[in-house]
Amino acid sequence: QVQLVESGGGLVQPGGSLRLSCVASGIAFSIYGVSWYRQPPGKEREWVATAISVGGGTTYADSVKGRFTISRDNGKSTTYLQMNSLKPEDTAVYYCSMFVRGVRSWGQGTQVTVSS
């Protein structure tokens, strides 16, 4: 059973930075892609970024491209989301997610609030 635990959220001023972490357990982490999603208040959950399992490839939503960086440490079964130049519209609950053996699993989420 896949378990995902996010951390690192908080309150930050516009233009600031945060780094989110997500630790996975219960799977061979290195062989699966991992993604970050977010759900702004009152809106649908949306995809943010993905790091594939091999080759180090990454993809980003247009809204975060150039500001956010997804990375992974397979030895620690951990994925990170470095968020720079944060904007109020980045305020959301951020979730990490993995699609393993036909099932998409989610963490509990971590709140990011960008406000002055």
PDB file of N, CA and C in Angstrom:
ATOM      1  N   GLN A   1       0.851  -1.183   0.000  1.00  0.00           N
ATOM      2  CA  GLN A   1       0.000   0.000   0.000  1.00  0.00           C
ATOM      3  C   GLN A   1       0.894   1.241   0.000  1.00  0.00           C
ATOM      4  N   VAL A   2       0.573   2.154  -0.934  1.00  0.00           N
ATOM      5  CA  VAL A   2       1.367   3.366  -1.052  1.00  0.00           C
ATOM      6  C   VAL A   2       0.949   4.366   0.012  1.00  0.00           C
ATOM      7  N   GLN A   3       1.921   4.933   0.680  1.00  0.00           N
ATOM      8  CA  GLN A   3       1.662   6.020   1.616  1.00  0.00           C
ATOM      9  C   GLN A   3       2.527   7.212   1.226  1.00  0.00           C
ATOM     10  N   LEU A   4       1.914   8.379   1.184  1.00  0.00           N
ATOM     11  CA  LEU A   4       2.594   9.606   0.809  1.00  0.00           C
ATOM     12  C   LEU A   4       2.353  10.637   1.901  1.00  0.00           C
ATOM     13  N   VAL A   5       3.419  11.278   2.363  1.00  0.00           N
ATOM     14  CA  VAL A   5       3.300  12.262   3.437  1.00  0.00           C
ATOM     15  C   VAL A   5       4.017  13.543   3.022  1.00  0.00           C
ATOM     16  N   GLU A   6       3.233  14.624   2.864  1.00  0.00           N
ATOM     17  CA  GLU A   6       3.785  15.914   2.481  1.00  0.00           C
ATOM     18  C   GLU A   6       4.129  16.748   3.713  1.00  0.00           C
ATOM     19  N   SER A   7       5.054  17.679   3.527  1.00  0.00           N
ATOM     20  CA  SER A   7       5.406  18.639   4.560  1.00  0.00           C
ATOM     21  C   SER A   7       6.002  19.871   3.903  1.00  0.00           C
ATOM     22  N   GLY A   8       6.141  20.941   4.680  1.00  0.00           N
ATOM     23  CA  GLY A   8       6.829  22.126   4.193  1.00  0.00           C
ATOM     24  C   GLY A   8       5.949  23.312   3.854  1.00  0.00           C
ATOM     25  N   GLY A   9       4.646  23.138   3.949  1.00  0.00           N
ATOM     26  CA  GLY A   9       3.757  24.253   3.657  1.00  0.00           C
ATOM     27  C   GLY A   9       3.833  25.335   4.721  1.00  0.00           C
ATOM     28  N   GLY A  10       3.166  26.462   4.448  1.00  0.00           N
ATOM     29  CA  GLY A  10       3.146  27.544   5.418  1.00  0.00           C
ATOM     30  C   GLY A  10       2.682  28.840   4.798  1.00  0.00           C
ATOM     31  N   LEU A  11       2.883  29.911   5.547  1.00  0.00           N
ATOM     32  CA  LEU A  11       2.521  31.252   5.101  1.00  0.00           C
ATOM     33  C   LEU A  11       3.771  31.963   4.604  1.00  0.00           C
ATOM     34  N   VAL A  12       3.689  32.540   3.420  1.00  0.00           N
ATOM     35  CA  VAL A  12       4.837  33.236   2.845  1.00  0.00           C
ATOM     36  C   VAL A  12       4.350  34.491   2.146  1.00  0.00           C
ATOM     37  N   GLN A  13       5.176  35.518   2.111  1.00  0.00           N
ATOM     38  CA  GLN A  13       4.822  36.757   1.420  1.00  0.00           C
ATOM     39  C   GLN A  13       4.988  36.606  -0.088  1.00  0.00           C
ATOM     40  N   PRO A  14       4.255  37.392  -0.856  1.00  0.00           N
ATOM     41  CA  PRO A  14       4.450  37.368  -2.313  1.00  0.00           C
ATOM     42  C   PRO A  14       5.916  37.619  -2.663  1.00  0.00           C
ATOM     43  N   GLY A  15       6.414  36.843  -3.623  1.00  0.00           N
ATOM     44  CA  GLY A  15       7.809  36.917  -4.014  1.00  0.00           C
ATOM     45  C   GLY A  15       8.714  35.985  -3.229  1.00  0.00           C
ATOM     46  N   GLY A  16       8.188  35.371  -2.193  1.00  0.00           N
ATOM     47  CA  GLY A  16       8.980  34.482  -1.367  1.00  0.00           C
ATOM     48  C   GLY A  16       9.088  33.076  -1.931  1.00  0.00           C
ATOM     49  N   SER A  17       9.726  32.201  -1.143  1.00  0.00           N
ATOM     50  CA  SER A  17       9.970  30.828  -1.571  1.00  0.00           C
ATOM     51  C   SER A  17       9.582  29.837  -0.482  1.00  0.00           C
ATOM     52  N   LEU A  18       9.239  28.645  -0.918  1.00  0.00           N
ATOM     53  CA  LEU A  18       8.999  27.514  -0.021  1.00  0.00           C
ATOM     54  C   LEU A  18       9.474  26.255  -0.727  1.00  0.00           C
ATOM     55  N   ARG A  19       9.849  25.249   0.061  1.00  0.00           N
ATOM     56  CA  ARG A  19      10.150  23.941  -0.497  1.00  0.00           C
ATOM     57  C   ARG A  19       9.270  22.901   0.176  1.00  0.00           C
ATOM     58  N   LEU A  20       8.493  22.226  -0.627  1.00  0.00           N
ATOM     59  CA  LEU A  20       7.648  21.143  -0.142  1.00  0.00           C
ATOM     60  C   LEU A  20       8.377  19.810  -0.310  1.00  0.00           C
ATOM     61  N   SER A  21       8.096  18.893   0.602  1.00  0.00           N
ATOM     62  CA  SER A  21       8.649  17.547   0.535  1.00  0.00           C
ATOM     63  C   SER A  21       7.522  16.520   0.593  1.00  0.00           C
ATOM     64  N   CYS A  22       7.767  15.372  -0.008  1.00  0.00           N
ATOM     65  CA  CYS A  22       6.793  14.274   0.047  1.00  0.00           C
ATOM     66  C   CYS A  22       7.578  12.970   0.153  1.00  0.00           C
ATOM     67  N   VAL A  23       7.372  12.266   1.236  1.00  0.00           N
ATOM     68  CA  VAL A  23       8.045  10.995   1.456  1.00  0.00           C
ATOM     69  C   VAL A  23       7.085   9.853   1.134  1.00  0.00           C
ATOM     70  N   ALA A  24       7.550   8.914   0.316  1.00  0.00           N
ATOM     71  CA  ALA A  24       6.735   7.765  -0.078  1.00  0.00           C
ATOM     72  C   ALA A  24       7.194   6.512   0.647  1.00  0.00           C
ATOM     73  N   SER A  25       6.252   5.619   0.927  1.00  0.00           N
ATOM     74  CA  SER A  25       6.587   4.329   1.513  1.00  0.00           C
ATOM     75  C   SER A  25       5.644   3.277   0.941  1.00  0.00           C
ATOM     76  N   GLY A  26       6.082   2.037   1.039  1.00  0.00           N
ATOM     77  CA  GLY A  26       5.236   0.941   0.577  1.00  0.00           C
ATOM     78  C   GLY A  26       5.409   0.573  -0.876  1.00  0.00           C
ATOM     79  N   ILE A  27       6.334   1.244  -1.573  1.00  0.00           N
ATOM     80  CA  ILE A  27       6.563   0.956  -2.987  1.00  0.00           C
ATOM     81  C   ILE A  27       8.045   1.087  -3.323  1.00  0.00           C
ATOM     82  N   ALA A  28       8.396   0.569  -4.508  1.00  0.00           N
ATOM     83  CA  ALA A  28       9.736   0.803  -5.047  1.00  0.00           C
ATOM     84  C   ALA A  28       9.711   2.170  -5.723  1.00  0.00           C
ATOM     85  N   PHE A  29       9.992   3.187  -4.951  1.00  0.00           N
ATOM     86  CA  PHE A  29       9.763   4.577  -5.364  1.00  0.00           C
ATOM     87  C   PHE A  29      10.421   4.905  -6.704  1.00  0.00           C
ATOM     88  N   SER A  30      11.626   4.403  -6.915  1.00  0.00           N
ATOM     89  CA  SER A  30      12.419   4.847  -8.065  1.00  0.00           C
ATOM     90  C   SER A  30      11.828   4.469  -9.415  1.00  0.00           C
ATOM     91  N   ILE A  31      10.924   3.498  -9.455  1.00  0.00           N
ATOM     92  CA  ILE A  31      10.447   3.023 -10.756  1.00  0.00           C
ATOM     93  C   ILE A  31       9.145   3.692 -11.188  1.00  0.00           C
ATOM     94  N   TYR A  32       8.644   4.629 -10.387  1.00  0.00           N
ATOM     95  CA  TYR A  32       7.386   5.286 -10.712  1.00  0.00           C
ATOM     96  C   TYR A  32       7.562   6.790 -10.839  1.00  0.00           C
ATOM     97  N   GLY A  33       6.758   7.383 -11.711  1.00  0.00           N
ATOM     98  CA  GLY A  33       6.695   8.831 -11.769  1.00  0.00           C
ATOM     99  C   GLY A  33       5.981   9.383 -10.542  1.00  0.00           C
ATOM    100  N   VAL A  34       6.240  10.648 -10.257  1.00  0.00           N
ATOM    101  CA  VAL A  34       5.603  11.292  -9.108  1.00  0.00           C
ATOM    102  C   VAL A  34       5.192  12.703  -9.516  1.00  0.00           C
ATOM    103  N   SER A  35       4.051  13.134  -9.020  1.00  0.00           N
ATOM    104  CA  SER A  35       3.499  14.428  -9.415  1.00  0.00           C
ATOM    105  C   SER A  35       3.092  15.254  -8.209  1.00  0.00           C
ATOM    106  N   TRP A  36       3.024  16.550  -8.431  1.00  0.00           N
ATOM    107  CA  TRP A  36       2.413  17.478  -7.483  1.00  0.00           C
ATOM    108  C   TRP A  36       1.142  18.045  -8.120  1.00  0.00           C
ATOM    109  N   TYR A  37       0.109  18.144  -7.307  1.00  0.00           N
ATOM    110  CA  TYR A  37      -1.141  18.791  -7.676  1.00  0.00           C
ATOM    111  C   TYR A  37      -1.433  19.844  -6.615  1.00  0.00           C
ATOM    112  N   ARG A  38      -2.379  20.727  -6.916  1.00  0.00           N
ATOM    113  CA  ARG A  38      -2.815  21.690  -5.908  1.00  0.00           C
ATOM    114  C   ARG A  38      -4.303  21.969  -6.074  1.00  0.00           C
ATOM    115  N   GLN A  39      -4.924  22.377  -4.982  1.00  0.00           N
ATOM    116  CA  GLN A  39      -6.328  22.733  -5.006  1.00  0.00           C
ATOM    117  C   GLN A  39      -6.509  24.085  -4.341  1.00  0.00           C
ATOM    118  N   PRO A  40      -6.688  25.134  -5.162  1.00  0.00           N
ATOM    119  CA  PRO A  40      -6.933  26.465  -4.602  1.00  0.00           C
ATOM    120  C   PRO A  40      -8.296  26.506  -3.910  1.00  0.00           C
ATOM    121  N   PRO A  41      -8.509  27.429  -2.994  1.00  0.00           N
ATOM    122  CA  PRO A  41      -9.796  27.492  -2.291  1.00  0.00           C
ATOM    123  C   PRO A  41     -10.943  27.697  -3.260  1.00  0.00           C
ATOM    124  N   GLY A  42     -11.962  26.857  -3.164  1.00  0.00           N
ATOM    125  CA  GLY A  42     -13.150  26.969  -3.987  1.00  0.00           C
ATOM    126  C   GLY A  42     -12.984  26.514  -5.422  1.00  0.00           C
ATOM    127  N   LYS A  43     -11.842  25.893  -5.744  1.00  0.00           N
ATOM    128  CA  LYS A  43     -11.587  25.475  -7.123  1.00  0.00           C
ATOM    129  C   LYS A  43     -11.275  23.986  -7.195  1.00  0.00           C
ATOM    130  N   GLU A  44     -11.207  23.482  -8.436  1.00  0.00           N
ATOM    131  CA  GLU A  44     -10.880  22.087  -8.659  1.00  0.00           C
ATOM    132  C   GLU A  44      -9.387  21.842  -8.446  1.00  0.00           C
ATOM    133  N   ARG A  45      -9.051  20.605  -8.122  1.00  0.00           N
ATOM    134  CA  ARG A  45      -7.646  20.229  -8.025  1.00  0.00           C
ATOM    135  C   ARG A  45      -7.018  20.295  -9.418  1.00  0.00           C
ATOM    136  N   GLU A  46      -5.781  20.786  -9.481  1.00  0.00           N
ATOM    137  CA  GLU A  46      -5.090  20.927 -10.766  1.00  0.00           C
ATOM    138  C   GLU A  46      -3.682  20.382 -10.688  1.00  0.00           C
ATOM    139  N   TRP A  47      -3.219  19.883 -11.801  1.00  0.00           N
ATOM    140  CA  TRP A  47      -1.873  19.343 -11.902  1.00  0.00           C
ATOM    141  C   TRP A  47      -0.860  20.481 -11.916  1.00  0.00           C
ATOM    142  N   VAL A  48       0.277  20.265 -11.241  1.00  0.00           N
ATOM    143  CA  VAL A  48       1.329  21.273 -11.159  1.00  0.00           C
ATOM    144  C   VAL A  48       2.600  20.823 -11.875  1.00  0.00           C
ATOM    145  N   ALA A  49       3.088  19.625 -11.546  1.00  0.00           N
ATOM    146  CA  ALA A  49       4.362  19.178 -12.107  1.00  0.00           C
ATOM    147  C   ALA A  49       4.502  17.669 -11.941  1.00  0.00           C
ATOM    148  N   THR A  50       5.338  17.079 -12.811  1.00  0.00           N
ATOM    149  CA  THR A  50       5.623  15.643 -12.760  1.00  0.00           C
ATOM    150  C   THR A  50       7.098  15.391 -12.982  1.00  0.00           C
ATOM    151  N   ALA A  51       7.652  14.457 -12.216  1.00  0.00           N
ATOM    152  CA  ALA A  51       9.010  13.955 -12.446  1.00  0.00           C
ATOM    153  C   ALA A  51       8.886  12.485 -12.829  1.00  0.00           C
ATOM    154  N   ILE A  52       9.359  12.138 -14.021  1.00  0.00           N
ATOM    155  CA  ILE A  52       9.234  10.753 -14.464  1.00  0.00           C
ATOM    156  C   ILE A  52      10.241   9.873 -13.732  1.00  0.00           C
ATOM    157  N   SER A  53      10.074   8.561 -13.902  1.00  0.00           N
ATOM    158  CA  SER A  53      10.862   7.630 -13.104  1.00  0.00           C
ATOM    159  C   SER A  53      12.284   7.467 -13.594  1.00  0.00           C
ATOM    160  N   VAL A  54      12.483   7.622 -14.877  1.00  0.00           N
ATOM    161  CA  VAL A  54      13.829   7.430 -15.415  1.00  0.00           C
ATOM    162  C   VAL A  54      14.203   8.630 -16.274  1.00  0.00           C
ATOM    163  N   GLY A  55      15.491   8.905 -16.340  1.00  0.00           N
ATOM    164  CA  GLY A  55      15.982   9.956 -17.230  1.00  0.00           C
ATOM    165  C   GLY A  55      15.901  11.350 -16.669  1.00  0.00           C
ATOM    166  N   GLY A  56      15.269  11.515 -15.538  1.00  0.00           N
ATOM    167  CA  GLY A  56      15.215  12.831 -14.912  1.00  0.00           C
ATOM    168  C   GLY A  56      14.295  13.825 -15.578  1.00  0.00           C
ATOM    169  N   GLY A  57      13.432  13.358 -16.474  1.00  0.00           N
ATOM    170  CA  GLY A  57      12.554  14.295 -17.161  1.00  0.00           C
ATOM    171  C   GLY A  57      11.502  14.882 -16.245  1.00  0.00           C
ATOM    172  N   THR A  58      11.147  16.164 -16.508  1.00  0.00           N
ATOM    173  CA  THR A  58      10.134  16.852 -15.728  1.00  0.00           C
ATOM    174  C   THR A  58       9.222  17.641 -16.655  1.00  0.00           C
ATOM    175  N   THR A  59       7.989  17.832 -16.216  1.00  0.00           N
ATOM    176  CA  THR A  59       7.041  18.670 -16.947  1.00  0.00           C
ATOM    177  C   THR A  59       6.304  19.539 -15.943  1.00  0.00           C
ATOM    178  N   TYR A  60       5.838  20.714 -16.429  1.00  0.00           N
ATOM    179  CA  TYR A  60       5.216  21.693 -15.559  1.00  0.00           C
ATOM    180  C   TYR A  60       3.975  22.293 -16.206  1.00  0.00           C
ATOM    181  N   ALA A  61       3.041  22.667 -15.347  1.00  0.00           N
ATOM    182  CA  ALA A  61       1.925  23.475 -15.821  1.00  0.00           C
ATOM    183  C   ALA A  61       2.456  24.849 -16.230  1.00  0.00           C
ATOM    184  N   ASP A  62       1.812  25.443 -17.209  1.00  0.00           N
ATOM    185  CA  ASP A  62       2.270  26.757 -17.680  1.00  0.00           C
ATOM    186  C   ASP A  62       2.268  27.796 -16.553  1.00  0.00           C
ATOM    187  N   SER A  63       1.345  27.669 -15.633  1.00  0.00           N
ATOM    188  CA  SER A  63       1.206  28.667 -14.574  1.00  0.00           C
ATOM    189  C   SER A  63       2.384  28.695 -13.602  1.00  0.00           C
ATOM    190  N   VAL A  64       3.182  27.614 -13.561  1.00  0.00           N
ATOM    191  CA  VAL A  64       4.304  27.560 -12.616  1.00  0.00           C
ATOM    192  C   VAL A  64       5.651  27.427 -13.314  1.00  0.00           C
ATOM    193  N   LYS A  65       5.645  27.275 -14.620  1.00  0.00           N
ATOM    194  CA  LYS A  65       6.889  27.069 -15.367  1.00  0.00           C
ATOM    195  C   LYS A  65       7.833  28.238 -15.156  1.00  0.00           C
ATOM    196  N   GLY A  66       9.089  27.911 -14.840  1.00  0.00           N
ATOM    197  CA  GLY A  66      10.090  28.942 -14.599  1.00  0.00           C
ATOM    198  C   GLY A  66      10.156  29.415 -13.166  1.00  0.00           C
ATOM    199  N   ARG A  67       9.154  29.037 -12.349  1.00  0.00           N
ATOM    200  CA  ARG A  67       9.148  29.440 -10.937  1.00  0.00           C
ATOM    201  C   ARG A  67       9.263  28.245 -10.000  1.00  0.00           C
ATOM    202  N   PHE A  68       8.691  27.113 -10.392  1.00  0.00           N
ATOM    203  CA  PHE A  68       8.697  25.909  -9.563  1.00  0.00           C
ATOM    204  C   PHE A  68       9.648  24.880 -10.168  1.00  0.00           C
ATOM    205  N   THR A  69      10.263  24.092  -9.295  1.00  0.00           N
ATOM    206  CA  THR A  69      11.132  23.009  -9.733  1.00  0.00           C
ATOM    207  C   THR A  69      10.801  21.741  -8.953  1.00  0.00           C
ATOM    208  N   ILE A  70      10.480  20.674  -9.684  1.00  0.00           N
ATOM    209  CA  ILE A  70      10.253  19.371  -9.052  1.00  0.00           C
ATOM    210  C   ILE A  70      11.533  18.560  -9.146  1.00  0.00           C
ATOM    211  N   SER A  71      11.840  17.851  -8.075  1.00  0.00           N
ATOM    212  CA  SER A  71      13.016  16.982  -8.072  1.00  0.00           C
ATOM    213  C   SER A  71      12.710  15.761  -7.207  1.00  0.00           C
ATOM    214  N   ARG A  72      13.583  14.782  -7.308  1.00  0.00           N
ATOM    215  CA  ARG A  72      13.367  13.573  -6.522  1.00  0.00           C
ATOM    216  C   ARG A  72      14.699  13.013  -6.039  1.00  0.00           C
ATOM    217  N   ASP A  73      14.687  12.418  -4.863  1.00  0.00           N
ATOM    218  CA  ASP A  73      15.830  11.720  -4.294  1.00  0.00           C
ATOM    219  C   ASP A  73      15.387  10.278  -4.099  1.00  0.00           C
ATOM    220  N   ASN A  74      15.729   9.418  -5.047  1.00  0.00           N
ATOM    221  CA  ASN A  74      15.245   8.038  -4.992  1.00  0.00           C
ATOM    222  C   ASN A  74      15.792   7.285  -3.774  1.00  0.00           C
ATOM    223  N   GLY A  75      16.991   7.646  -3.331  1.00  0.00           N
ATOM    224  CA  GLY A  75      17.563   6.992  -2.158  1.00  0.00           C
ATOM    225  C   GLY A  75      16.772   7.265  -0.892  1.00  0.00           C
ATOM    226  N   LYS A  76      16.056   8.402  -0.872  1.00  0.00           N
ATOM    227  CA  LYS A  76      15.243   8.775   0.283  1.00  0.00           C
ATOM    228  C   LYS A  76      13.749   8.612   0.006  1.00  0.00           C
ATOM    229  N   SER A  77      13.408   8.091  -1.175  1.00  0.00           N
ATOM    230  CA  SER A  77      11.993   7.933  -1.556  1.00  0.00           C
ATOM    231  C   SER A  77      11.232   9.246  -1.356  1.00  0.00           C
ATOM    232  N   THR A  78      11.852  10.328  -1.757  1.00  0.00           N
ATOM    233  CA  THR A  78      11.307  11.662  -1.490  1.00  0.00           C
ATOM    234  C   THR A  78      11.278  12.485  -2.771  1.00  0.00           C
ATOM    235  N   THR A  79      10.206  13.242  -2.932  1.00  0.00           N
ATOM    236  CA  THR A  79      10.132  14.220  -4.002  1.00  0.00           C
ATOM    237  C   THR A  79       9.995  15.609  -3.382  1.00  0.00           C
ATOM    238  N   TYR A  80      10.504  16.603  -4.082  1.00  0.00           N
ATOM    239  CA  TYR A  80      10.492  17.969  -3.592  1.00  0.00           C
ATOM    240  C   TYR A  80       9.816  18.872  -4.626  1.00  0.00           C
ATOM    241  N   LEU A  81       9.253  19.960  -4.132  1.00  0.00           N
ATOM    242  CA  LEU A  81       8.759  21.004  -5.012  1.00  0.00           C
ATOM    243  C   LEU A  81       9.310  22.323  -4.488  1.00  0.00           C
ATOM    244  N   GLN A  82      10.303  22.856  -5.188  1.00  0.00           N
ATOM    245  CA  GLN A  82      10.866  24.151  -4.840  1.00  0.00           C
ATOM    246  C   GLN A  82      10.028  25.227  -5.518  1.00  0.00           C
ATOM    247  N   MET A  83       9.463  26.117  -4.734  1.00  0.00           N
ATOM    248  CA  MET A  83       8.559  27.145  -5.259  1.00  0.00           C
ATOM    249  C   MET A  83       9.173  28.515  -4.993  1.00  0.00           C
ATOM    250  N   ASN A  84       9.486  29.220  -6.060  1.00  0.00           N
ATOM    251  CA  ASN A  84      10.076  30.557  -5.969  1.00  0.00           C
ATOM    252  C   ASN A  84       9.124  31.589  -6.570  1.00  0.00           C
ATOM    253  N   SER A  85       9.381  32.836  -6.278  1.00  0.00           N
ATOM    254  CA  SER A  85       8.575  33.935  -6.819  1.00  0.00           C
ATOM    255  C   SER A  85       7.084  33.662  -6.624  1.00  0.00           C
ATOM    256  N   LEU A  86       6.724  33.289  -5.422  1.00  0.00           N
ATOM    257  CA  LEU A  86       5.344  32.903  -5.155  1.00  0.00           C
ATOM    258  C   LEU A  86       4.387  34.083  -5.297  1.00  0.00           C
ATOM    259  N   LYS A  87       3.189  33.748  -5.782  1.00  0.00           N
ATOM    260  CA  LYS A  87       2.141  34.736  -6.014  1.00  0.00           C
ATOM    261  C   LYS A  87       0.920  34.378  -5.174  1.00  0.00           C
ATOM    262  N   PRO A  88       0.068  35.353  -4.887  1.00  0.00           N
ATOM    263  CA  PRO A  88      -1.157  35.028  -4.126  1.00  0.00           C
ATOM    264  C   PRO A  88      -1.979  33.921  -4.783  1.00  0.00           C
ATOM    265  N   GLU A  89      -1.966  33.850  -6.094  1.00  0.00           N
ATOM    266  CA  GLU A  89      -2.746  32.820  -6.780  1.00  0.00           C
ATOM    267  C   GLU A  89      -2.138  31.419  -6.651  1.00  0.00           C
ATOM    268  N   ASP A  90      -0.961  31.317  -6.038  1.00  0.00           N
ATOM    269  CA  ASP A  90      -0.392  29.999  -5.737  1.00  0.00           C
ATOM    270  C   ASP A  90      -0.958  29.422  -4.433  1.00  0.00           C
ATOM    271  N   THR A  91      -1.747  30.212  -3.718  1.00  0.00           N
ATOM    272  CA  THR A  91      -2.362  29.732  -2.489  1.00  0.00           C
ATOM    273  C   THR A  91      -3.243  28.525  -2.773  1.00  0.00           C
ATOM    274  N   ALA A  92      -2.975  27.435  -2.062  1.00  0.00           N
ATOM    275  CA  ALA A  92      -3.686  26.179  -2.315  1.00  0.00           C
ATOM    276  C   ALA A  92      -3.227  25.127  -1.311  1.00  0.00           C
ATOM    277  N   VAL A  93      -3.952  24.034  -1.283  1.00  0.00           N
ATOM    278  CA  VAL A  93      -3.456  22.817  -0.633  1.00  0.00           C
ATOM    279  C   VAL A  93      -2.694  22.037  -1.697  1.00  0.00           C
ATOM    280  N   TYR A  94      -1.456  21.680  -1.402  1.00  0.00           N
ATOM    281  CA  TYR A  94      -0.595  20.983  -2.348  1.00  0.00           C
ATOM    282  C   TYR A  94      -0.523  19.500  -1.964  1.00  0.00           C
ATOM    283  N   TYR A  95      -0.682  18.654  -2.988  1.00  0.00           N
ATOM    284  CA  TYR A  95      -0.689  17.207  -2.800  1.00  0.00           C
ATOM    285  C   TYR A  95       0.371  16.559  -3.684  1.00  0.00           C
ATOM    286  N   CYS A  96       1.053  15.565  -3.159  1.00  0.00           N
ATOM    287  CA  CYS A  96       1.840  14.725  -4.048  1.00  0.00           C
ATOM    288  C   CYS A  96       1.033  13.486  -4.391  1.00  0.00           C
ATOM    289  N   SER A  97       1.337  12.889  -5.521  1.00  0.00           N
ATOM    290  CA  SER A  97       0.529  11.793  -6.034  1.00  0.00           C
ATOM    291  C   SER A  97       1.385  10.861  -6.880  1.00  0.00           C
ATOM    292  N   MET A  98       1.072   9.579  -6.783  1.00  0.00           N
ATOM    293  CA  MET A  98       1.733   8.577  -7.608  1.00  0.00           C
ATOM    294  C   MET A  98       0.695   7.617  -8.169  1.00  0.00           C
ATOM    295  N   PHE A  99       0.921   7.178  -9.415  1.00  0.00           N
ATOM    296  CA  PHE A  99       0.015   6.240 -10.069  1.00  0.00           C
ATOM    297  C   PHE A  99       0.733   4.899 -10.102  1.00  0.00           C
ATOM    298  N   VAL A 100       0.278   4.002  -9.243  1.00  0.00           N
ATOM    299  CA  VAL A 100       0.976   2.737  -9.034  1.00  0.00           C
ATOM    300  C   VAL A 100       0.010   1.573  -9.275  1.00  0.00           C
ATOM    301  N   ARG A 101       0.357   0.725 -10.211  1.00  0.00           N
ATOM    302  CA  ARG A 101      -0.434  -0.487 -10.513  1.00  0.00           C
ATOM    303  C   ARG A 101      -1.900  -0.148 -10.711  1.00  0.00           C
ATOM    304  N   GLY A 102      -2.143   0.900 -11.490  1.00  0.00           N
ATOM    305  CA  GLY A 102      -3.502   1.239 -11.873  1.00  0.00           C
ATOM    306  C   GLY A 102      -4.283   2.051 -10.858  1.00  0.00           C
ATOM    307  N   VAL A 103      -3.665   2.439  -9.774  1.00  0.00           N
ATOM    308  CA  VAL A 103      -4.349   3.199  -8.721  1.00  0.00           C
ATOM    309  C   VAL A 103      -3.586   4.479  -8.451  1.00  0.00           C
ATOM    310  N   ARG A 104      -4.294   5.601  -8.426  1.00  0.00           N
ATOM    311  CA  ARG A 104      -3.645   6.869  -8.080  1.00  0.00           C
ATOM    312  C   ARG A 104      -3.779   7.080  -6.581  1.00  0.00           C
ATOM    313  N   SER A 105      -2.636   7.271  -5.943  1.00  0.00           N
ATOM    314  CA  SER A 105      -2.607   7.519  -4.501  1.00  0.00           C
ATOM    315  C   SER A 105      -2.267   8.980  -4.235  1.00  0.00           C
ATOM    316  N   TRP A 106      -2.760   9.486  -3.101  1.00  0.00           N
ATOM    317  CA  TRP A 106      -2.583  10.885  -2.719  1.00  0.00           C
ATOM    318  C   TRP A 106      -2.077  10.982  -1.293  1.00  0.00           C
ATOM    319  N   GLY A 107      -1.300  12.031  -1.044  1.00  0.00           N
ATOM    320  CA  GLY A 107      -0.971  12.370   0.317  1.00  0.00           C
ATOM    321  C   GLY A 107      -2.111  13.146   0.955  1.00  0.00           C
ATOM    322  N   GLN A 108      -1.897  13.583   2.197  1.00  0.00           N
ATOM    323  CA  GLN A 108      -2.939  14.296   2.933  1.00  0.00           C
ATOM    324  C   GLN A 108      -2.972  15.782   2.570  1.00  0.00           C
ATOM    325  N   GLY A 109      -1.925  16.254   1.916  1.00  0.00           N
ATOM    326  CA  GLY A 109      -1.863  17.654   1.502  1.00  0.00           C
ATOM    327  C   GLY A 109      -1.179  18.541   2.522  1.00  0.00           C
ATOM    328  N   THR A 110      -0.620  19.639   2.019  1.00  0.00           N
ATOM    329  CA  THR A 110      -0.005  20.642   2.881  1.00  0.00           C
ATOM    330  C   THR A 110      -0.430  22.022   2.378  1.00  0.00           C
ATOM    331  N   GLN A 111      -0.824  22.886   3.293  1.00  0.00           N
ATOM    332  CA  GLN A 111      -1.367  24.193   2.930  1.00  0.00           C
ATOM    333  C   GLN A 111      -0.250  25.184   2.644  1.00  0.00           C
ATOM    334  N   VAL A 112      -0.375  25.868   1.518  1.00  0.00           N
ATOM    335  CA  VAL A 112       0.518  26.974   1.169  1.00  0.00           C
ATOM    336  C   VAL A 112      -0.337  28.223   1.025  1.00  0.00           C
ATOM    337  N   THR A 113       0.011  29.252   1.776  1.00  0.00           N
ATOM    338  CA  THR A 113      -0.709  30.514   1.715  1.00  0.00           C
ATOM    339  C   THR A 113       0.271  31.622   1.378  1.00  0.00           C
ATOM    340  N   VAL A 114      -0.015  32.332   0.296  1.00  0.00           N
ATOM    341  CA  VAL A 114       0.844  33.435  -0.138  1.00  0.00           C
ATOM    342  C   VAL A 114       0.070  34.734   0.086  1.00  0.00           C
ATOM    343  N   SER A 115       0.527  35.504   1.041  1.00  0.00           N
ATOM    344  CA  SER A 115      -0.205  36.709   1.421  1.00  0.00           C
ATOM    345  C   SER A 115       0.720  37.660   2.156  1.00  0.00           C
ATOM    346  N   SER A 116       0.449  38.952   1.977  1.00  0.00           N
ATOM    347  CA  SER A 116       1.209  39.958   2.707  1.00  0.00           C
ATOM    348  C   SER A 116       0.481  40.350   3.994  1.00  0.00           C
TER     349      SER A 116
END
